[in-house]
Protein backbone atom coordinates (compact mmCIF):
# COMPACT_ATOMS: atom_id res chain seq x y z
CA UNK A 1 76.71 120.34 109.96
CA UNK A 2 75.01 122.46 112.88
CA UNK A 3 72.80 120.88 115.28
CA UNK A 4 70.86 121.76 118.13
CA UNK A 5 69.27 119.58 120.91
CA UNK A 6 66.88 119.66 123.91
CA UNK A 7 65.30 117.15 126.22
CA UNK A 8 61.15 116.77 125.80
CA UNK A 9 60.66 113.87 128.44
CA UNK A 10 60.27 113.85 131.38
CA UNK A 11 61.67 117.69 131.25
CA UNK A 12 60.76 120.12 128.59
CA UNK A 13 62.95 123.36 128.66
CA UNK A 14 61.59 125.99 126.50
CA UNK A 15 64.95 127.15 125.01
CA UNK A 16 67.74 124.41 122.70
CA UNK A 17 69.90 123.19 125.33
CA UNK A 18 72.85 122.33 123.44
CA UNK A 19 74.21 123.73 120.04
CA UNK A 20 77.18 122.48 117.99
CA UNK A 21 78.68 120.83 114.86
CA UNK A 22 79.16 117.09 114.37
CA UNK A 23 79.52 114.68 111.23
CA UNK A 24 76.24 113.52 111.32
CA UNK A 25 72.69 113.67 113.51
CA UNK A 26 73.22 110.41 115.42
CA UNK A 27 76.54 111.38 116.29
CA UNK A 28 75.70 114.89 117.79
CA UNK A 29 72.72 113.08 119.72
CA UNK A 30 75.31 110.76 121.26
CA UNK A 31 77.42 113.49 122.14
CA UNK A 32 74.61 115.52 123.78
CA UNK A 33 73.32 112.73 125.89
CA UNK A 34 76.85 111.79 126.98
CA UNK A 35 77.58 115.60 127.91
CA UNK A 36 74.64 116.04 129.53
CA UNK A 37 74.55 112.89 131.45
CA UNK A 38 71.02 112.01 130.69
CA UNK A 39 69.71 109.14 132.17
CA UNK A 40 67.97 105.95 130.78
CA UNK A 41 64.43 106.59 129.33
CA UNK A 42 65.00 110.58 128.82
CA UNK A 43 63.97 111.86 125.80
CA UNK A 44 65.36 114.47 123.37
CA UNK A 45 64.95 116.24 120.15
CA UNK A 46 67.84 117.11 117.56
CA UNK A 47 67.24 120.04 114.98
CA UNK A 48 69.50 119.82 111.71
CA UNK A 49 70.18 123.63 111.33
CA UNK A 50 71.80 123.37 108.10
CA UNK A 51 69.05 121.55 106.30
CA UNK A 52 66.57 123.43 103.88
CA UNK A 53 63.65 121.79 105.73
CA UNK A 54 65.06 122.00 109.26
CA UNK A 55 64.73 118.12 109.98
CA UNK A 56 63.87 117.55 113.83
CA UNK A 57 64.47 113.95 114.89
CA UNK A 58 63.58 112.55 118.24
CA UNK A 59 65.51 109.97 120.43
CA UNK A 60 65.41 108.23 123.58
CA UNK A 61 68.20 107.08 125.97
CA UNK A 62 68.07 103.19 126.18
CA UNK A 63 71.35 102.84 127.98
CA UNK A 64 74.08 104.84 129.73
CA UNK A 65 77.04 102.63 129.51
CA UNK A 66 77.67 103.07 126.76
CA UNK A 67 75.23 105.59 125.55
CA UNK A 68 72.62 104.03 123.22
CA UNK A 69 69.79 105.56 121.76
CA UNK A 70 66.17 104.39 120.43
CA UNK A 71 63.04 105.33 118.91
CA UNK A 72 60.87 107.72 121.54
CA UNK A 73 57.99 105.84 123.25
CA UNK A 74 54.37 107.24 123.23
CA UNK A 75 53.34 108.39 126.52
CA UNK A 76 49.86 108.51 128.27
CA UNK A 77 49.52 112.16 128.31
CA UNK A 78 50.47 112.46 124.79
CA UNK A 79 48.10 109.96 123.28
CA UNK A 80 45.05 111.89 124.09
CA UNK A 81 46.47 114.71 121.92
CA UNK A 82 47.42 112.13 119.25
CA UNK A 83 45.17 113.69 116.62
CA UNK A 84 46.58 116.91 116.98
CA UNK A 85 43.89 118.55 118.44
CA UNK A 86 43.92 119.82 122.30
CA UNK A 87 40.66 119.29 123.98
CA UNK A 88 38.54 122.11 124.40
CA UNK A 89 39.34 123.59 127.72
CA UNK A 90 35.98 124.21 128.69
CA UNK A 91 34.71 120.75 128.75
CA UNK A 92 36.17 119.77 132.15
CA UNK A 93 34.71 122.41 134.54
CA UNK A 94 31.32 122.34 132.13
CA UNK A 95 30.85 118.47 132.83
CA UNK A 96 31.68 118.96 136.49
CA UNK A 97 28.98 121.93 136.74
CA UNK A 98 26.34 119.54 135.04
CA UNK A 99 27.26 116.72 137.48
CA UNK A 100 26.98 119.03 140.65
CA UNK A 101 23.62 120.72 139.40
CA UNK A 102 22.19 117.14 138.69
CA UNK A 103 23.03 116.10 142.35
CA UNK A 104 21.43 119.38 143.45
CA UNK A 105 18.26 118.56 141.41
CA UNK A 106 18.12 115.11 142.73
CA UNK A 107 18.63 116.46 146.67
CA UNK A 108 15.73 119.23 146.02
CA UNK A 109 13.44 116.63 144.47
CA UNK A 110 14.01 114.31 147.41
CA UNK A 111 13.46 117.11 150.08
CA UNK A 112 10.30 118.20 148.36
CA UNK A 113 8.85 114.56 148.09
CA UNK A 114 9.44 114.14 152.04
CA UNK A 115 7.90 117.57 152.65
CA UNK A 116 5.02 116.69 150.73
CA UNK A 117 4.65 113.42 152.25
CA UNK A 118 4.53 114.89 155.80
CA UNK A 119 2.10 117.54 154.89
CA UNK A 120 0.04 114.80 153.73
CA UNK A 121 0.16 112.60 156.52
CA UNK A 122 0.34 115.39 159.44
CA UNK A 123 -1.39 118.34 157.70
CA UNK A 124 -4.67 119.38 158.57
């Protein structure tokens, strides 16, 4: 059967790094990890190119001598996207702008209060 593999964490190349044939998916995954010399903790995906539904399975390198594979761990950066929807791109700048304008408003009110107090105390 034909398979393709690429790393997904910590690196994430856009193209499939390794393509070839193997008896089963796990054998191909082990061959990919050992051929590329992947370090412990590296995660990668293997695509079954011969199946009708294009099965995609994720693996994590648990050990390197000998190579052992385990399930993928969810990372903090990916947990924010666990609902499948990315955050709106305008939220961070909008919140930053809102807090900046709030600080400007507080400073302006403080300056006006001090000016009115000075005019009342020392004005004619």
